[in-house]
Amino acid sequence: MIFKAVGDTRPYPDHGLTSTKDWSDVPPRLVRLDELVTTKRTLDLGALLADDSTFFGDLFAHVVDFEGTLYLEDGLHRALRAALHQRPTLHARVLVLD
């Protein structure tokens, strides 16, 4: 199994971070793919296969740590690309919500 679980919602309260600039204050760190719960069930294959998939966005995935669970909010294509390359971890900006 690649992820801890596959979800289709964001079960945590709105955190107010909407832009890449908002997320830039959250420092990146390594997270294990098998500790992540996705917040999307589907993936746009164009995003996964695009050579410039990070050209206009953040280089790091966005993860929300809520009640001890890590939710992959943005960067599903990055996580799957890491899994396809047999890497068990991903660099992500992790926002901790209390």
N, C-alpha and C. Protein backbone atom coordinates (compact mmCIF):
# COMPACT_ATOMS: atom_id res chain seq x y z
N MET A 1 0.84 -1.18 0.00
CA MET A 1 0.00 0.00 0.00
C MET A 1 0.88 1.24 0.00
N ILE A 2 0.53 2.18 -0.84
CA ILE A 2 1.34 3.41 -0.95
C ILE A 2 1.03 4.36 0.20
N PHE A 3 -0.28 4.57 0.47
CA PHE A 3 -0.71 5.53 1.48
C PHE A 3 -1.35 4.80 2.66
N LYS A 4 -1.43 5.50 3.79
CA LYS A 4 -2.10 4.95 4.96
C LYS A 4 -3.58 4.73 4.64
N ALA A 5 -4.17 5.69 3.94
CA ALA A 5 -5.58 5.59 3.55
C ALA A 5 -5.85 6.55 2.40
N VAL A 6 -6.93 6.27 1.67
CA VAL A 6 -7.35 7.14 0.58
C VAL A 6 -8.67 7.77 0.99
N GLY A 7 -8.66 9.08 1.09
CA GLY A 7 -9.87 9.81 1.45
C GLY A 7 -10.32 10.68 0.30
N ASP A 8 -11.44 11.36 0.47
CA ASP A 8 -11.91 12.27 -0.57
C ASP A 8 -12.42 13.59 -0.01
N THR A 9 -12.09 13.87 1.25
CA THR A 9 -12.48 15.13 1.87
C THR A 9 -11.34 15.64 2.75
N ARG A 10 -11.51 16.86 3.20
CA ARG A 10 -10.59 17.45 4.16
C ARG A 10 -11.30 17.47 5.52
N PRO A 11 -11.00 16.50 6.39
CA PRO A 11 -11.74 16.39 7.64
C PRO A 11 -11.27 17.34 8.74
N TYR A 12 -10.47 18.28 8.40
CA TYR A 12 -9.94 19.24 9.37
C TYR A 12 -10.53 20.62 9.08
N PRO A 13 -10.47 21.53 10.08
CA PRO A 13 -11.04 22.87 9.88
C PRO A 13 -10.22 23.66 8.85
N ASP A 14 -10.87 24.64 8.25
CA ASP A 14 -10.19 25.50 7.28
C ASP A 14 -9.03 26.22 7.97
N HIS A 15 -7.87 26.17 7.34
CA HIS A 15 -6.68 26.78 7.93
C HIS A 15 -6.35 28.13 7.32
N GLY A 16 -7.01 28.51 6.25
CA GLY A 16 -6.81 29.83 5.67
C GLY A 16 -5.63 29.98 4.73
N LEU A 17 -4.84 28.92 4.55
CA LEU A 17 -3.71 28.99 3.62
C LEU A 17 -4.22 28.60 2.24
N THR A 18 -4.22 29.55 1.32
CA THR A 18 -4.79 29.29 0.00
C THR A 18 -3.78 29.40 -1.13
N SER A 19 -2.76 30.20 -0.95
CA SER A 19 -1.79 30.41 -2.03
C SER A 19 -0.44 29.79 -1.69
N THR A 20 0.38 29.65 -2.71
CA THR A 20 1.75 29.16 -2.50
C THR A 20 2.50 30.08 -1.56
N LYS A 21 2.24 31.38 -1.67
CA LYS A 21 2.90 32.34 -0.78
C LYS A 21 2.51 32.10 0.67
N ASP A 22 1.23 31.80 0.91
CA ASP A 22 0.78 31.50 2.29
C ASP A 22 1.54 30.29 2.84
N TRP A 23 1.69 29.26 2.03
CA TRP A 23 2.35 28.03 2.46
C TRP A 23 3.87 28.19 2.60
N SER A 24 4.44 29.21 1.99
CA SER A 24 5.90 29.35 1.98
C SER A 24 6.49 29.57 3.38
N ASP A 25 5.67 30.00 4.34
CA ASP A 25 6.16 30.18 5.72
C ASP A 25 6.23 28.87 6.49
N VAL A 26 5.66 27.80 5.93
CA VAL A 26 5.67 26.49 6.59
C VAL A 26 6.92 25.74 6.10
N PRO A 27 7.85 25.41 7.00
CA PRO A 27 9.09 24.76 6.56
C PRO A 27 8.85 23.33 6.07
N PRO A 28 9.55 22.93 5.01
CA PRO A 28 9.40 21.55 4.51
C PRO A 28 10.18 20.56 5.37
N ARG A 29 9.69 19.31 5.34
CA ARG A 29 10.39 18.21 6.00
C ARG A 29 10.02 16.92 5.27
N LEU A 30 10.72 15.87 5.57
CA LEU A 30 10.42 14.57 4.97
C LEU A 30 9.23 13.93 5.68
N VAL A 31 8.33 13.36 4.89
CA VAL A 31 7.23 12.57 5.44
C VAL A 31 7.19 11.24 4.72
N ARG A 32 6.78 10.22 5.41
CA ARG A 32 6.65 8.89 4.80
C ARG A 32 5.33 8.79 4.06
N LEU A 33 5.37 8.23 2.87
CA LEU A 33 4.16 8.06 2.08
C LEU A 33 3.13 7.20 2.81
N ASP A 34 3.61 6.18 3.50
CA ASP A 34 2.68 5.26 4.18
C ASP A 34 2.06 5.84 5.44
N GLU A 35 2.38 7.10 5.77
CA GLU A 35 1.76 7.79 6.90
C GLU A 35 0.71 8.81 6.43
N LEU A 36 0.57 8.96 5.11
CA LEU A 36 -0.32 9.98 4.55
C LEU A 36 -1.71 9.44 4.25
N VAL A 37 -2.71 10.29 4.49
CA VAL A 37 -4.08 10.04 4.08
C VAL A 37 -4.39 11.07 3.01
N THR A 38 -4.80 10.63 1.84
CA THR A 38 -5.09 11.57 0.77
C THR A 38 -6.42 12.28 1.03
N THR A 39 -6.57 13.47 0.46
CA THR A 39 -7.84 14.19 0.54
C THR A 39 -8.52 14.23 -0.83
N LYS A 40 -7.93 13.53 -1.80
CA LYS A 40 -8.51 13.42 -3.14
C LYS A 40 -8.46 11.96 -3.56
N ARG A 41 -9.51 11.51 -4.22
CA ARG A 41 -9.57 10.13 -4.70
C ARG A 41 -9.06 10.00 -6.13
N THR A 42 -9.05 11.09 -6.87
CA THR A 42 -8.67 11.02 -8.28
C THR A 42 -7.49 11.93 -8.55
N LEU A 43 -6.81 11.62 -9.63
CA LEU A 43 -5.61 12.37 -10.03
C LEU A 43 -5.72 12.70 -11.50
N ASP A 44 -5.35 13.90 -11.83
CA ASP A 44 -5.26 14.31 -13.23
C ASP A 44 -3.93 13.77 -13.76
N LEU A 45 -3.99 12.83 -14.69
CA LEU A 45 -2.77 12.23 -15.24
C LEU A 45 -1.87 13.27 -15.90
N GLY A 46 -2.44 14.32 -16.42
CA GLY A 46 -1.64 15.39 -16.99
C GLY A 46 -0.71 16.01 -15.97
N ALA A 47 -1.21 16.18 -14.74
CA ALA A 47 -0.38 16.73 -13.66
C ALA A 47 0.73 15.76 -13.28
N LEU A 48 0.42 14.46 -13.30
CA LEU A 48 1.42 13.45 -12.93
C LEU A 48 2.53 13.36 -13.96
N LEU A 49 2.18 13.42 -15.22
CA LEU A 49 3.14 13.18 -16.29
C LEU A 49 3.81 14.44 -16.83
N ALA A 50 3.36 15.62 -16.44
CA ALA A 50 3.91 16.86 -16.96
C ALA A 50 5.35 17.06 -16.50
N ASP A 51 6.21 17.43 -17.46
CA ASP A 51 7.61 17.71 -17.13
C ASP A 51 7.74 18.94 -16.25
N ASP A 52 6.84 19.90 -16.42
CA ASP A 52 6.92 21.16 -15.67
C ASP A 52 5.86 21.24 -14.57
N SER A 53 5.54 20.10 -13.95
CA SER A 53 4.44 20.06 -12.99
C SER A 53 4.65 20.97 -11.79
N THR A 54 5.87 21.34 -11.47
CA THR A 54 6.13 22.23 -10.34
C THR A 54 6.56 23.62 -10.80
N PHE A 55 6.53 23.88 -12.11
CA PHE A 55 7.03 25.15 -12.64
C PHE A 55 6.26 26.34 -12.07
N PHE A 56 4.93 26.23 -11.99
CA PHE A 56 4.12 27.35 -11.53
C PHE A 56 3.67 27.21 -10.08
N GLY A 57 3.99 26.11 -9.43
CA GLY A 57 3.53 25.89 -8.07
C GLY A 57 4.67 25.71 -7.09
N ASP A 58 4.34 25.21 -5.94
CA ASP A 58 5.31 24.96 -4.88
C ASP A 58 6.10 23.69 -5.22
N LEU A 59 7.36 23.67 -4.87
CA LEU A 59 8.18 22.47 -5.08
C LEU A 59 7.82 21.36 -4.10
N PHE A 60 7.13 21.72 -3.03
CA PHE A 60 6.83 20.77 -1.97
C PHE A 60 5.33 20.49 -1.90
N ALA A 61 4.99 19.28 -1.52
CA ALA A 61 3.59 18.92 -1.28
C ALA A 61 3.11 19.66 -0.03
N HIS A 62 1.79 19.78 0.11
CA HIS A 62 1.20 20.42 1.28
C HIS A 62 0.47 19.37 2.10
N VAL A 63 0.87 19.25 3.36
CA VAL A 63 0.31 18.25 4.27
C VAL A 63 -0.21 18.97 5.51
N VAL A 64 -1.35 18.51 6.01
CA VAL A 64 -1.92 19.04 7.24
C VAL A 64 -1.89 17.94 8.30
N ASP A 65 -1.25 18.24 9.42
CA ASP A 65 -1.21 17.33 10.56
C ASP A 65 -2.35 17.72 11.49
N PHE A 66 -3.42 16.90 11.51
CA PHE A 66 -4.59 17.19 12.32
C PHE A 66 -4.89 15.99 13.20
N GLU A 67 -4.87 16.21 14.48
CA GLU A 67 -5.15 15.17 15.48
C GLU A 67 -4.27 13.94 15.27
N GLY A 68 -3.00 14.17 14.91
CA GLY A 68 -2.04 13.09 14.76
C GLY A 68 -2.07 12.36 13.43
N THR A 69 -2.94 12.78 12.52
CA THR A 69 -3.02 12.17 11.20
C THR A 69 -2.50 13.16 10.17
N LEU A 70 -1.69 12.67 9.24
CA LEU A 70 -1.13 13.51 8.18
C LEU A 70 -1.99 13.41 6.93
N TYR A 71 -2.59 14.53 6.53
CA TYR A 71 -3.46 14.59 5.36
C TYR A 71 -2.74 15.27 4.20
N LEU A 72 -2.66 14.60 3.08
CA LEU A 72 -2.03 15.15 1.89
C LEU A 72 -3.04 16.04 1.18
N GLU A 73 -2.92 17.34 1.37
CA GLU A 73 -3.88 18.30 0.82
C GLU A 73 -3.56 18.63 -0.64
N ASP A 74 -2.31 18.82 -0.95
CA ASP A 74 -1.91 19.16 -2.31
C ASP A 74 -0.58 18.47 -2.61
N GLY A 75 -0.46 17.91 -3.80
CA GLY A 75 0.77 17.24 -4.18
C GLY A 75 0.61 15.76 -4.39
N LEU A 76 -0.62 15.31 -4.65
CA LEU A 76 -0.85 13.89 -4.90
C LEU A 76 0.01 13.40 -6.06
N HIS A 77 0.17 14.23 -7.08
CA HIS A 77 0.99 13.82 -8.22
C HIS A 77 2.46 13.67 -7.82
N ARG A 78 2.94 14.51 -6.92
CA ARG A 78 4.32 14.39 -6.43
C ARG A 78 4.50 13.10 -5.62
N ALA A 79 3.50 12.81 -4.78
CA ALA A 79 3.56 11.60 -3.95
C ALA A 79 3.56 10.34 -4.82
N LEU A 80 2.71 10.31 -5.83
CA LEU A 80 2.67 9.15 -6.71
C LEU A 80 3.93 9.02 -7.54
N ARG A 81 4.47 10.14 -7.96
CA ARG A 81 5.73 10.11 -8.70
C ARG A 81 6.85 9.53 -7.82
N ALA A 82 6.88 9.93 -6.54
CA ALA A 82 7.88 9.39 -5.61
C ALA A 82 7.68 7.88 -5.47
N ALA A 83 6.43 7.44 -5.34
CA ALA A 83 6.15 6.00 -5.21
C ALA A 83 6.57 5.24 -6.46
N LEU A 84 6.32 5.80 -7.63
CA LEU A 84 6.72 5.14 -8.88
C LEU A 84 8.23 5.01 -8.99
N HIS A 85 8.95 5.92 -8.35
CA HIS A 85 10.41 5.85 -8.33
C HIS A 85 10.92 5.07 -7.12
N GLN A 86 10.01 4.38 -6.44
CA GLN A 86 10.31 3.54 -5.28
C GLN A 86 10.97 4.30 -4.13
N ARG A 87 10.55 5.55 -3.96
CA ARG A 87 11.01 6.35 -2.82
C ARG A 87 9.92 6.32 -1.75
N PRO A 88 10.25 5.96 -0.53
CA PRO A 88 9.24 5.85 0.52
C PRO A 88 8.88 7.18 1.18
N THR A 89 9.60 8.25 0.85
CA THR A 89 9.37 9.54 1.50
C THR A 89 9.16 10.63 0.47
N LEU A 90 8.68 11.75 0.97
CA LEU A 90 8.36 12.91 0.14
C LEU A 90 8.66 14.16 0.96
N HIS A 91 9.23 15.17 0.32
CA HIS A 91 9.42 16.45 1.00
C HIS A 91 8.10 17.21 0.95
N ALA A 92 7.63 17.66 2.10
CA ALA A 92 6.34 18.34 2.18
C ALA A 92 6.40 19.45 3.22
N ARG A 93 5.59 20.45 2.99
CA ARG A 93 5.37 21.48 4.01
C ARG A 93 4.25 20.94 4.90
N VAL A 94 4.52 20.81 6.19
CA VAL A 94 3.55 20.19 7.11
C VAL A 94 3.02 21.27 8.07
N LEU A 95 1.74 21.57 7.92
CA LEU A 95 1.06 22.51 8.79
C LEU A 95 0.41 21.74 9.92
N VAL A 96 0.73 22.09 11.15
CA VAL A 96 0.16 21.41 12.32
C VAL A 96 -1.02 22.21 12.82
N LEU A 97 -2.19 21.58 12.82
CA LEU A 97 -3.41 22.18 13.37
C LEU A 97 -3.72 21.52 14.70
N ASP A 98 -4.03 22.34 15.69
CA ASP A 98 -4.37 21.80 17.02
C ASP A 98 -5.81 21.46 17.12
